[in-house]
PDB file of all heavy atoms in Angstrom:
ATOM      1  N   MET A   1       4.092  -7.121 -10.504  1.00  0.00           N
ATOM      2  CA  MET A   1       3.539  -8.362 -11.026  1.00  0.00           C
ATOM      3  C   MET A   1       3.554  -9.519 -10.023  1.00  0.00           C
ATOM      4  O   MET A   1       3.078 -10.603 -10.320  1.00  0.00           O
ATOM      5  CB  MET A   1       4.311  -8.789 -12.274  1.00  0.00           C
ATOM      6  CG  MET A   1       4.221  -7.790 -13.421  1.00  0.00           C
ATOM      7  SD  MET A   1       2.524  -7.356 -13.839  1.00  0.00           S
ATOM      8  CE  MET A   1       1.896  -8.938 -14.360  1.00  0.00           C
ATOM      9  N   GLY A   2       4.119  -9.319  -8.858  1.00  0.00           N
ATOM     10  CA  GLY A   2       4.147 -10.400  -7.873  1.00  0.00           C
ATOM     11  C   GLY A   2       5.068 -10.044  -6.724  1.00  0.00           C
ATOM     12  O   GLY A   2       5.786  -9.036  -6.752  1.00  0.00           O
ATOM     13  N   GLU A   3       5.041 -10.892  -5.697  1.00  0.00           N
ATOM     14  CA  GLU A   3       5.867 -10.605  -4.520  1.00  0.00           C
ATOM     15  C   GLU A   3       7.353 -10.582  -4.850  1.00  0.00           C
ATOM     16  O   GLU A   3       8.097  -9.748  -4.340  1.00  0.00           O
ATOM     17  CB  GLU A   3       5.579 -11.630  -3.410  1.00  0.00           C
ATOM     18  CG  GLU A   3       4.341 -11.292  -2.627  1.00  0.00           C
ATOM     19  CD  GLU A   3       3.232 -12.333  -2.729  1.00  0.00           C
ATOM     20  OE1 GLU A   3       3.071 -12.962  -3.786  1.00  0.00           O
ATOM     21  OE2 GLU A   3       2.531 -12.505  -1.732  1.00  0.00           O
ATOM     22  N   LEU A   4       7.810 -11.512  -5.723  1.00  0.00           N
ATOM     23  CA  LEU A   4       9.229 -11.529  -6.091  1.00  0.00           C
ATOM     24  C   LEU A   4       9.605 -10.238  -6.819  1.00  0.00           C
ATOM     25  O   LEU A   4      10.668  -9.657  -6.573  1.00  0.00           O
ATOM     26  CB  LEU A   4       9.543 -12.742  -6.960  1.00  0.00           C
ATOM     27  CG  LEU A   4      10.989 -12.834  -7.470  1.00  0.00           C
ATOM     28  CD1 LEU A   4      11.969 -12.931  -6.300  1.00  0.00           C
ATOM     29  CD2 LEU A   4      11.171 -14.021  -8.405  1.00  0.00           C
ATOM     30  N   HIS A   5       8.738  -9.784  -7.701  1.00  0.00           N
ATOM     31  CA  HIS A   5       8.971  -8.547  -8.439  1.00  0.00           C
ATOM     32  C   HIS A   5       9.214  -7.389  -7.465  1.00  0.00           C
ATOM     33  O   HIS A   5      10.207  -6.646  -7.586  1.00  0.00           O
ATOM     34  CB  HIS A   5       7.750  -8.269  -9.316  1.00  0.00           C
ATOM     35  CG  HIS A   5       7.912  -7.117 -10.249  1.00  0.00           C
ATOM     36  ND1 HIS A   5       6.853  -6.541 -10.907  1.00  0.00           N
ATOM     37  CD2 HIS A   5       8.993  -6.412 -10.630  1.00  0.00           C
ATOM     38  CE1 HIS A   5       7.288  -5.548 -11.666  1.00  0.00           C
ATOM     39  NE2 HIS A   5       8.582  -5.440 -11.510  1.00  0.00           N
ATOM     40  N   LEU A   6       8.323  -7.232  -6.475  1.00  0.00           N
ATOM     41  CA  LEU A   6       8.451  -6.119  -5.541  1.00  0.00           C
ATOM     42  C   LEU A   6       9.631  -6.320  -4.589  1.00  0.00           C
ATOM     43  O   LEU A   6      10.253  -5.354  -4.145  1.00  0.00           O
ATOM     44  CB  LEU A   6       7.150  -5.937  -4.760  1.00  0.00           C
ATOM     45  CG  LEU A   6       5.942  -5.525  -5.615  1.00  0.00           C
ATOM     46  CD1 LEU A   6       4.719  -5.285  -4.736  1.00  0.00           C
ATOM     47  CD2 LEU A   6       6.244  -4.274  -6.431  1.00  0.00           C
ATOM     48  N   GLU A   7       9.945  -7.576  -4.299  1.00  0.00           N
ATOM     49  CA  GLU A   7      11.121  -7.856  -3.467  1.00  0.00           C
ATOM     50  C   GLU A   7      12.401  -7.413  -4.178  1.00  0.00           C
ATOM     51  O   GLU A   7      13.301  -6.826  -3.576  1.00  0.00           O
ATOM     52  CB  GLU A   7      11.177  -9.358  -3.159  1.00  0.00           C
ATOM     53  CG  GLU A   7      12.270  -9.746  -2.181  1.00  0.00           C
ATOM     54  CD  GLU A   7      12.343 -11.257  -1.986  1.00  0.00           C
ATOM     55  OE1 GLU A   7      11.288 -11.926  -2.054  1.00  0.00           O
ATOM     56  OE2 GLU A   7      13.458 -11.764  -1.787  1.00  0.00           O
ATOM     57  N   ILE A   8      12.471  -7.686  -5.492  1.00  0.00           N
ATOM     58  CA  ILE A   8      13.635  -7.266  -6.280  1.00  0.00           C
ATOM     59  C   ILE A   8      13.705  -5.739  -6.338  1.00  0.00           C
ATOM     60  O   ILE A   8      14.786  -5.146  -6.249  1.00  0.00           O
ATOM     61  CB  ILE A   8      13.575  -7.853  -7.708  1.00  0.00           C
ATOM     62  CG1 ILE A   8      13.666  -9.391  -7.669  1.00  0.00           C
ATOM     63  CG2 ILE A   8      14.673  -7.273  -8.584  1.00  0.00           C
ATOM     64  CD1 ILE A   8      14.991  -9.941  -7.205  1.00  0.00           C
ATOM     65  N   ILE A   9      12.556  -5.089  -6.480  1.00  0.00           N
ATOM     66  CA  ILE A   9      12.518  -3.613  -6.498  1.00  0.00           C
ATOM     67  C   ILE A   9      13.097  -3.068  -5.190  1.00  0.00           C
ATOM     68  O   ILE A   9      13.935  -2.150  -5.191  1.00  0.00           O
ATOM     69  CB  ILE A   9      11.073  -3.109  -6.694  1.00  0.00           C
ATOM     70  CG1 ILE A   9      10.565  -3.440  -8.104  1.00  0.00           C
ATOM     71  CG2 ILE A   9      10.976  -1.613  -6.387  1.00  0.00           C
ATOM     72  CD1 ILE A   9      11.171  -2.614  -9.218  1.00  0.00           C
ATOM     73  N   ARG A  10      12.661  -3.616  -4.072  1.00  0.00           N
ATOM     74  CA  ARG A  10      13.184  -3.162  -2.770  1.00  0.00           C
ATOM     75  C   ARG A  10      14.683  -3.378  -2.677  1.00  0.00           C
ATOM     76  O   ARG A  10      15.431  -2.534  -2.176  1.00  0.00           O
ATOM     77  CB  ARG A  10      12.496  -3.928  -1.632  1.00  0.00           C
ATOM     78  CG  ARG A  10      11.361  -3.183  -0.984  1.00  0.00           C
ATOM     79  CD  ARG A  10      10.837  -3.925   0.221  1.00  0.00           C
ATOM     80  NE  ARG A  10      11.744  -3.833   1.350  1.00  0.00           N
ATOM     81  CZ  ARG A  10      11.671  -4.609   2.431  1.00  0.00           C
ATOM     82  NH1 ARG A  10      10.755  -5.555   2.499  1.00  0.00           N
ATOM     83  NH2 ARG A  10      12.507  -4.459   3.433  1.00  0.00           N
ATOM     84  N   ASP A  11      15.124  -4.525  -3.179  1.00  0.00           N
ATOM     85  CA  ASP A  11      16.551  -4.850  -3.145  1.00  0.00           C
ATOM     86  C   ASP A  11      17.341  -3.861  -4.004  1.00  0.00           C
ATOM     87  O   ASP A  11      18.423  -3.401  -3.622  1.00  0.00           O
ATOM     88  CB  ASP A  11      16.746  -6.289  -3.647  1.00  0.00           C
ATOM     89  CG  ASP A  11      18.094  -6.859  -3.236  1.00  0.00           C
ATOM     90  OD1 ASP A  11      18.617  -6.422  -2.191  1.00  0.00           O
ATOM     91  OD2 ASP A  11      18.628  -7.730  -3.948  1.00  0.00           O
ATOM     92  N   ARG A  12      16.796  -3.516  -5.161  1.00  0.00           N
ATOM     93  CA  ARG A  12      17.482  -2.563  -6.041  1.00  0.00           C
ATOM     94  C   ARG A  12      17.512  -1.162  -5.421  1.00  0.00           C
ATOM     95  O   ARG A  12      18.489  -0.418  -5.578  1.00  0.00           O
ATOM     96  CB  ARG A  12      16.810  -2.528  -7.414  1.00  0.00           C
ATOM     97  CG  ARG A  12      17.029  -3.797  -8.232  1.00  0.00           C
ATOM     98  CD  ARG A  12      16.533  -3.629  -9.655  1.00  0.00           C
ATOM     99  NE  ARG A  12      17.313  -2.612 -10.369  1.00  0.00           N
ATOM    100  CZ  ARG A  12      16.979  -2.152 -11.574  1.00  0.00           C
ATOM    101  NH1 ARG A  12      15.884  -2.588 -12.183  1.00  0.00           N
ATOM    102  NH2 ARG A  12      17.717  -1.237 -12.172  1.00  0.00           N
ATOM    103  N   LEU A  13      16.442  -0.788  -4.728  1.00  0.00           N
ATOM    104  CA  LEU A  13      16.447   0.504  -4.035  1.00  0.00           C
ATOM    105  C   LEU A  13      17.598   0.573  -3.036  1.00  0.00           C
ATOM    106  O   LEU A  13      18.273   1.597  -2.913  1.00  0.00           O
ATOM    107  CB  LEU A  13      15.117   0.719  -3.295  1.00  0.00           C
ATOM    108  CG  LEU A  13      13.907   1.120  -4.134  1.00  0.00           C
ATOM    109  CD1 LEU A  13      12.641   1.054  -3.291  1.00  0.00           C
ATOM    110  CD2 LEU A  13      14.086   2.527  -4.714  1.00  0.00           C
ATOM    111  N   PHE A  14      17.816  -0.529  -2.341  1.00  0.00           N
ATOM    112  CA  PHE A  14      18.871  -0.576  -1.332  1.00  0.00           C
ATOM    113  C   PHE A  14      20.252  -0.551  -1.981  1.00  0.00           C
ATOM    114  O   PHE A  14      21.136   0.211  -1.583  1.00  0.00           O
ATOM    115  CB  PHE A  14      18.699  -1.825  -0.466  1.00  0.00           C
ATOM    116  CG  PHE A  14      19.831  -2.046   0.508  1.00  0.00           C
ATOM    117  CD1 PHE A  14      20.027  -1.181   1.570  1.00  0.00           C
ATOM    118  CD2 PHE A  14      20.703  -3.111   0.357  1.00  0.00           C
ATOM    119  CE1 PHE A  14      21.066  -1.371   2.463  1.00  0.00           C
ATOM    120  CE2 PHE A  14      21.744  -3.308   1.237  1.00  0.00           C
ATOM    121  CZ  PHE A  14      21.933  -2.437   2.297  1.00  0.00           C
ATOM    122  N   ARG A  15      20.445  -1.373  -3.015  1.00  0.00           N
ATOM    123  CA  ARG A  15      21.784  -1.518  -3.597  1.00  0.00           C
ATOM    124  C   ARG A  15      22.164  -0.358  -4.511  1.00  0.00           C
ATOM    125  O   ARG A  15      23.292   0.109  -4.489  1.00  0.00           O
ATOM    126  CB  ARG A  15      21.870  -2.817  -4.396  1.00  0.00           C
ATOM    127  CG  ARG A  15      21.707  -4.044  -3.524  1.00  0.00           C
ATOM    128  CD  ARG A  15      22.075  -5.285  -4.290  1.00  0.00           C
ATOM    129  NE  ARG A  15      21.616  -6.477  -3.591  1.00  0.00           N
ATOM    130  CZ  ARG A  15      22.224  -7.637  -3.633  1.00  0.00           C
ATOM    131  NH1 ARG A  15      23.327  -7.769  -4.321  1.00  0.00           N
ATOM    132  NH2 ARG A  15      21.754  -8.680  -2.990  1.00  0.00           N
ATOM    133  N   GLU A  16      21.220   0.075  -5.350  1.00  0.00           N
ATOM    134  CA  GLU A  16      21.557   1.077  -6.359  1.00  0.00           C
ATOM    135  C   GLU A  16      21.330   2.508  -5.886  1.00  0.00           C
ATOM    136  O   GLU A  16      22.004   3.428  -6.340  1.00  0.00           O
ATOM    137  CB  GLU A  16      20.753   0.818  -7.638  1.00  0.00           C
ATOM    138  CG  GLU A  16      21.075  -0.518  -8.294  1.00  0.00           C
ATOM    139  CD  GLU A  16      20.148  -0.837  -9.457  1.00  0.00           C
ATOM    140  OE1 GLU A  16      19.687   0.109 -10.123  1.00  0.00           O
ATOM    141  OE2 GLU A  16      19.892  -2.033  -9.696  1.00  0.00           O
ATOM    142  N   PHE A  17      20.360   2.686  -4.978  1.00  0.00           N
ATOM    143  CA  PHE A  17      20.041   4.045  -4.541  1.00  0.00           C
ATOM    144  C   PHE A  17      20.304   4.258  -3.054  1.00  0.00           C
ATOM    145  O   PHE A  17      20.024   5.330  -2.524  1.00  0.00           O
ATOM    146  CB  PHE A  17      18.576   4.365  -4.870  1.00  0.00           C
ATOM    147  CG  PHE A  17      18.273   4.274  -6.338  1.00  0.00           C
ATOM    148  CD1 PHE A  17      17.758   3.114  -6.899  1.00  0.00           C
ATOM    149  CD2 PHE A  17      18.537   5.342  -7.178  1.00  0.00           C
ATOM    150  CE1 PHE A  17      17.494   3.024  -8.254  1.00  0.00           C
ATOM    151  CE2 PHE A  17      18.277   5.262  -8.537  1.00  0.00           C
ATOM    152  CZ  PHE A  17      17.755   4.105  -9.079  1.00  0.00           C
ATOM    153  N   LYS A  18      20.806   3.211  -2.382  1.00  0.00           N
ATOM    154  CA  LYS A  18      21.198   3.290  -0.962  1.00  0.00           C
ATOM    155  C   LYS A  18      20.033   3.750  -0.081  1.00  0.00           C
ATOM    156  O   LYS A  18      20.183   4.558   0.824  1.00  0.00           O
ATOM    157  CB  LYS A  18      22.387   4.234  -0.781  1.00  0.00           C
ATOM    158  CG  LYS A  18      23.601   3.893  -1.663  1.00  0.00           C
ATOM    159  CD  LYS A  18      24.206   2.546  -1.288  1.00  0.00           C
ATOM    160  CE  LYS A  18      25.470   2.225  -2.071  1.00  0.00           C
ATOM    161  NZ  LYS A  18      25.197   1.565  -3.351  1.00  0.00           N
ATOM    162  N   VAL A  19      18.840   3.207  -0.364  1.00  0.00           N
ATOM    163  CA  VAL A  19      17.643   3.567   0.395  1.00  0.00           C
ATOM    164  C   VAL A  19      17.235   2.403   1.285  1.00  0.00           C
ATOM    165  O   VAL A  19      17.045   1.281   0.812  1.00  0.00           O
ATOM    166  CB  VAL A  19      16.467   3.911  -0.555  1.00  0.00           C
ATOM    167  CG1 VAL A  19      15.204   4.184   0.247  1.00  0.00           C
ATOM    168  CG2 VAL A  19      16.818   5.112  -1.414  1.00  0.00           C
ATOM    169  N   GLU A  20      17.096   2.671   2.582  1.00  0.00           N
ATOM    170  CA  GLU A  20      16.541   1.680   3.505  1.00  0.00           C
ATOM    171  C   GLU A  20      15.044   1.946   3.598  1.00  0.00           C
ATOM    172  O   GLU A  20      14.618   3.055   3.935  1.00  0.00           O
ATOM    173  CB  GLU A  20      17.178   1.829   4.895  1.00  0.00           C
ATOM    174  CG  GLU A  20      18.650   1.433   4.944  1.00  0.00           C
ATOM    175  CD  GLU A  20      18.841  -0.069   5.161  1.00  0.00           C
ATOM    176  OE1 GLU A  20      17.823  -0.795   5.120  1.00  0.00           O
ATOM    177  OE2 GLU A  20      19.989  -0.494   5.361  1.00  0.00           O
ATOM    178  N   ALA A  21      14.232   0.952   3.277  1.00  0.00           N
ATOM    179  CA  ALA A  21      12.780   1.158   3.273  1.00  0.00           C
ATOM    180  C   ALA A  21      12.070  -0.080   3.803  1.00  0.00           C
ATOM    181  O   ALA A  21      12.544  -1.201   3.640  1.00  0.00           O
ATOM    182  CB  ALA A  21      12.295   1.497   1.874  1.00  0.00           C
ATOM    183  N   GLU A  22      10.951   0.150   4.427  1.00  0.00           N
ATOM    184  CA  GLU A  22      10.118  -0.936   4.938  1.00  0.00           C
ATOM    185  C   GLU A  22       8.856  -1.026   4.095  1.00  0.00           C
ATOM    186  O   GLU A  22       8.271  -0.004   3.723  1.00  0.00           O
ATOM    187  CB  GLU A  22       9.727  -0.678   6.404  1.00  0.00           C
ATOM    188  CG  GLU A  22      10.899  -0.707   7.370  1.00  0.00           C
ATOM    189  CD  GLU A  22      11.566  -2.074   7.435  1.00  0.00           C
ATOM    190  OE1 GLU A  22      10.857  -3.087   7.262  1.00  0.00           O
ATOM    191  OE2 GLU A  22      12.793  -2.119   7.643  1.00  0.00           O
ATOM    192  N   ALA A  23       8.439  -2.236   3.806  1.00  0.00           N
ATOM    193  CA  ALA A  23       7.235  -2.437   2.997  1.00  0.00           C
ATOM    194  C   ALA A  23       6.167  -3.125   3.829  1.00  0.00           C
ATOM    195  O   ALA A  23       6.458  -3.910   4.727  1.00  0.00           O
ATOM    196  CB  ALA A  23       7.561  -3.278   1.768  1.00  0.00           C
ATOM    197  N   GLY A  24       4.931  -2.799   3.535  1.00  0.00           N
ATOM    198  CA  GLY A  24       3.815  -3.441   4.228  1.00  0.00           C
ATOM    199  C   GLY A  24       2.592  -3.397   3.353  1.00  0.00           C
ATOM    200  O   GLY A  24       2.612  -2.848   2.255  1.00  0.00           O
ATOM    201  N   LYS A  25       1.511  -3.968   3.828  1.00  0.00           N
ATOM    202  CA  LYS A  25       0.284  -3.949   3.034  1.00  0.00           C
ATOM    203  C   LYS A  25      -0.307  -2.542   3.026  1.00  0.00           C
ATOM    204  O   LYS A  25      -0.336  -1.878   4.049  1.00  0.00           O
ATOM    205  CB  LYS A  25      -0.745  -4.917   3.620  1.00  0.00           C
ATOM    206  CG  LYS A  25      -0.432  -6.380   3.387  1.00  0.00           C
ATOM    207  CD  LYS A  25      -1.560  -7.241   3.935  1.00  0.00           C
ATOM    208  CE  LYS A  25      -1.255  -8.724   3.732  1.00  0.00           C
ATOM    209  NZ  LYS A  25      -2.324  -9.568   4.311  1.00  0.00           N
ATOM    210  N   PRO A  26      -0.799  -2.092   1.887  1.00  0.00           N
ATOM    211  CA  PRO A  26      -1.472  -0.794   1.875  1.00  0.00           C
ATOM    212  C   PRO A  26      -2.833  -0.906   2.560  1.00  0.00           C
ATOM    213  O   PRO A  26      -3.427  -1.978   2.585  1.00  0.00           O
ATOM    214  CB  PRO A  26      -1.647  -0.498   0.387  1.00  0.00           C
ATOM    215  CG  PRO A  26      -1.680  -1.844  -0.246  1.00  0.00           C
ATOM    216  CD  PRO A  26      -0.776  -2.718   0.571  1.00  0.00           C
ATOM    217  N   GLN A  27      -3.292   0.201   3.113  1.00  0.00           N
ATOM    218  CA  GLN A  27      -4.634   0.185   3.677  1.00  0.00           C
ATOM    219  C   GLN A  27      -5.646   0.266   2.543  1.00  0.00           C
ATOM    220  O   GLN A  27      -5.454   1.019   1.595  1.00  0.00           O
ATOM    221  CB  GLN A  27      -4.822   1.381   4.616  1.00  0.00           C
ATOM    222  CG  GLN A  27      -3.953   1.323   5.856  1.00  0.00           C
ATOM    223  CD  GLN A  27      -4.200   2.517   6.743  1.00  0.00           C
ATOM    224  OE1 GLN A  27      -5.233   3.168   6.645  1.00  0.00           O
ATOM    225  NE2 GLN A  27      -3.257   2.814   7.608  1.00  0.00           N
ATOM    226  N   ILE A  28      -6.692  -0.504   2.685  1.00  0.00           N
ATOM    227  CA  ILE A  28      -7.754  -0.445   1.680  1.00  0.00           C
ATOM    228  C   ILE A  28      -8.599   0.792   1.943  1.00  0.00           C
ATOM    229  O   ILE A  28      -8.915   1.110   3.083  1.00  0.00           O
ATOM    230  CB  ILE A  28      -8.624  -1.716   1.749  1.00  0.00           C
ATOM    231  CG1 ILE A  28      -7.786  -2.940   1.389  1.00  0.00           C
ATOM    232  CG2 ILE A  28      -9.827  -1.604   0.824  1.00  0.00           C
ATOM    233  CD1 ILE A  28      -8.510  -4.242   1.569  1.00  0.00           C
ATOM    234  N   SER A  29      -8.951   1.497   0.902  1.00  0.00           N
ATOM    235  CA  SER A  29      -9.794   2.686   1.043  1.00  0.00           C
ATOM    236  C   SER A  29     -11.264   2.267   1.037  1.00  0.00           C
ATOM    237  O   SER A  29     -11.890   2.142  -0.014  1.00  0.00           O
ATOM    238  CB  SER A  29      -9.519   3.667  -0.099  1.00  0.00           C
ATOM    239  OG  SER A  29      -8.210   4.153  -0.018  1.00  0.00           O
ATOM    240  N   TYR A  30     -11.784   2.025   2.244  1.00  0.00           N
ATOM    241  CA  TYR A  30     -13.207   1.704   2.369  1.00  0.00           C
ATOM    242  C   TYR A  30     -14.027   2.977   2.198  1.00  0.00           C
ATOM    243  O   TYR A  30     -13.508   4.087   2.174  1.00  0.00           O
ATOM    244  CB  TYR A  30     -13.491   1.083   3.738  1.00  0.00           C
ATOM    245  CG  TYR A  30     -12.875  -0.285   3.929  1.00  0.00           C
ATOM    246  CD1 TYR A  30     -11.642  -0.424   4.565  1.00  0.00           C
ATOM    247  CD2 TYR A  30     -13.519  -1.426   3.469  1.00  0.00           C
ATOM    248  CE1 TYR A  30     -11.064  -1.670   4.738  1.00  0.00           C
ATOM    249  CE2 TYR A  30     -12.954  -2.676   3.632  1.00  0.00           C
ATOM    250  CZ  TYR A  30     -11.727  -2.793   4.270  1.00  0.00           C
ATOM    251  OH  TYR A  30     -11.160  -4.025   4.430  1.00  0.00           O
ATOM    252  N   ARG A  31     -15.334   2.827   2.084  1.00  0.00           N
ATOM    253  CA  ARG A  31     -16.267   3.949   2.031  1.00  0.00           C
ATOM    254  C   ARG A  31     -17.418   3.664   2.993  1.00  0.00           C
ATOM    255  O   ARG A  31     -17.639   2.529   3.401  1.00  0.00           O
ATOM    256  CB  ARG A  31     -16.830   4.117   0.612  1.00  0.00           C
ATOM    257  CG  ARG A  31     -15.790   4.440  -0.444  1.00  0.00           C
ATOM    258  CD  ARG A  31     -15.289   5.860  -0.300  1.00  0.00           C
ATOM    259  NE  ARG A  31     -14.384   6.224  -1.386  1.00  0.00           N
ATOM    260  CZ  ARG A  31     -13.067   6.077  -1.362  1.00  0.00           C
ATOM    261  NH1 ARG A  31     -12.500   5.554  -0.280  1.00  0.00           N
ATOM    262  NH2 ARG A  31     -12.330   6.446  -2.381  1.00  0.00           N
ATOM    263  N   GLU A  32     -18.159   4.727   3.343  1.00  0.00           N
ATOM    264  CA  GLU A  32     -19.368   4.567   4.144  1.00  0.00           C
ATOM    265  C   GLU A  32     -20.525   5.223   3.411  1.00  0.00           C
ATOM    266  O   GLU A  32     -20.329   6.111   2.574  1.00  0.00           O
ATOM    267  CB  GLU A  32     -19.182   5.202   5.529  1.00  0.00           C
ATOM    268  CG  GLU A  32     -18.072   4.547   6.342  1.00  0.00           C
ATOM    269  CD  GLU A  32     -17.872   5.188   7.711  1.00  0.00           C
ATOM    270  OE1 GLU A  32     -18.836   5.796   8.220  1.00  0.00           O
ATOM    271  OE2 GLU A  32     -16.763   5.076   8.261  1.00  0.00           O
ATOM    272  N   THR A  33     -21.738   4.777   3.709  1.00  0.00           N
ATOM    273  CA  THR A  33     -22.923   5.425   3.155  1.00  0.00           C
ATOM    274  C   THR A  33     -24.090   5.219   4.113  1.00  0.00           C
ATOM    275  O   THR A  33     -23.961   4.537   5.135  1.00  0.00           O
ATOM    276  CB  THR A  33     -23.255   4.889   1.752  1.00  0.00           C
ATOM    277  OG1 THR A  33     -24.152   5.786   1.108  1.00  0.00           O
ATOM    278  CG2 THR A  33     -23.868   3.485   1.793  1.00  0.00           C
ATOM    279  N   ILE A  34     -25.229   5.824   3.771  1.00  0.00           N
ATOM    280  CA  ILE A  34     -26.426   5.682   4.612  1.00  0.00           C
ATOM    281  C   ILE A  34     -27.475   4.896   3.839  1.00  0.00           C
ATOM    282  O   ILE A  34     -27.433   4.836   2.606  1.00  0.00           O
ATOM    283  CB  ILE A  34     -26.976   7.052   5.038  1.00  0.00           C
ATOM    284  CG1 ILE A  34     -27.269   7.909   3.793  1.00  0.00           C
ATOM    285  CG2 ILE A  34     -25.983   7.765   5.958  1.00  0.00           C
ATOM    286  CD1 ILE A  34     -28.002   9.200   4.085  1.00  0.00           C
ATOM    287  N   THR A  35     -28.415   4.319   4.570  1.00  0.00           N
ATOM    288  CA  THR A  35     -29.416   3.468   3.910  1.00  0.00           C
ATOM    289  C   THR A  35     -30.844   3.995   4.052  1.00  0.00           C
ATOM    290  O   THR A  35     -31.737   3.571   3.318  1.00  0.00           O
ATOM    291  CB  THR A  35     -29.356   2.033   4.465  1.00  0.00           C
ATOM    292  OG1 THR A  35     -29.522   2.071   5.892  1.00  0.00           O
ATOM    293  CG2 THR A  35     -28.004   1.390   4.141  1.00  0.00           C
ATOM    294  N   VAL A  36     -31.087   4.901   5.033  1.00  0.00           N
ATOM    295  CA  VAL A  36     -32.429   5.488   5.188  1.00  0.00           C
ATOM    296  C   VAL A  36     -32.283   6.993   5.407  1.00  0.00           C
ATOM    297  O   VAL A  36     -31.208   7.480   5.747  1.00  0.00           O
ATOM    298  CB  VAL A  36     -33.209   4.868   6.383  1.00  0.00           C
ATOM    299  CG1 VAL A  36     -33.423   3.382   6.165  1.00  0.00           C
ATOM    300  CG2 VAL A  36     -32.493   5.136   7.700  1.00  0.00           C
ATOM    301  N   ALA A  37     -33.371   7.716   5.216  1.00  0.00           N
ATOM    302  CA  ALA A  37     -33.362   9.161   5.445  1.00  0.00           C
ATOM    303  C   ALA A  37     -33.481   9.453   6.942  1.00  0.00           C
ATOM    304  O   ALA A  37     -34.101   8.697   7.694  1.00  0.00           O
ATOM    305  CB  ALA A  37     -34.507   9.820   4.686  1.00  0.00           C
ATOM    306  N   ALA A  38     -32.866  10.554   7.365  1.00  0.00           N
ATOM    307  CA  ALA A  38     -32.930  10.938   8.780  1.00  0.00           C
ATOM    308  C   ALA A  38     -32.677  12.430   8.911  1.00  0.00           C
ATOM    309  O   ALA A  38     -32.004  13.041   8.076  1.00  0.00           O
ATOM    310  CB  ALA A  38     -31.909  10.148   9.590  1.00  0.00           C
ATOM    311  N   ASP A  39     -33.257  13.027   9.970  1.00  0.00           N
ATOM    312  CA  ASP A  39     -33.012  14.441  10.253  1.00  0.00           C
ATOM    313  C   ASP A  39     -31.835  14.572  11.203  1.00  0.00           C
ATOM    314  O   ASP A  39     -31.584  13.689  12.039  1.00  0.00           O
ATOM    315  CB  ASP A  39     -34.250  15.086  10.884  1.00  0.00           C
ATOM    316  CG  ASP A  39     -35.403  15.193   9.896  1.00  0.00           C
ATOM    317  OD1 ASP A  39     -35.123  15.166   8.671  1.00  0.00           O
ATOM    318  OD2 ASP A  39     -36.567  15.279  10.334  1.00  0.00           O
ATOM    319  N   GLY A  40     -31.140  15.688  11.088  1.00  0.00           N
ATOM    320  CA  GLY A  40     -30.018  15.948  11.984  1.00  0.00           C
ATOM    321  C   GLY A  40     -30.057  17.370  12.484  1.00  0.00           C
ATOM    322  O   GLY A  40     -30.374  18.300  11.727  1.00  0.00           O
TER     323      GLY A  40
END
């Protein structure tokens, strides 16, 4: 629900489950497509 929420989750992982973890932004799953017909 927010940055504080996930910060608390990370903190609980460390304190209650003894897990050291790094967090970062997820990669966005982009897509590609074509716009005209072509031979290959």
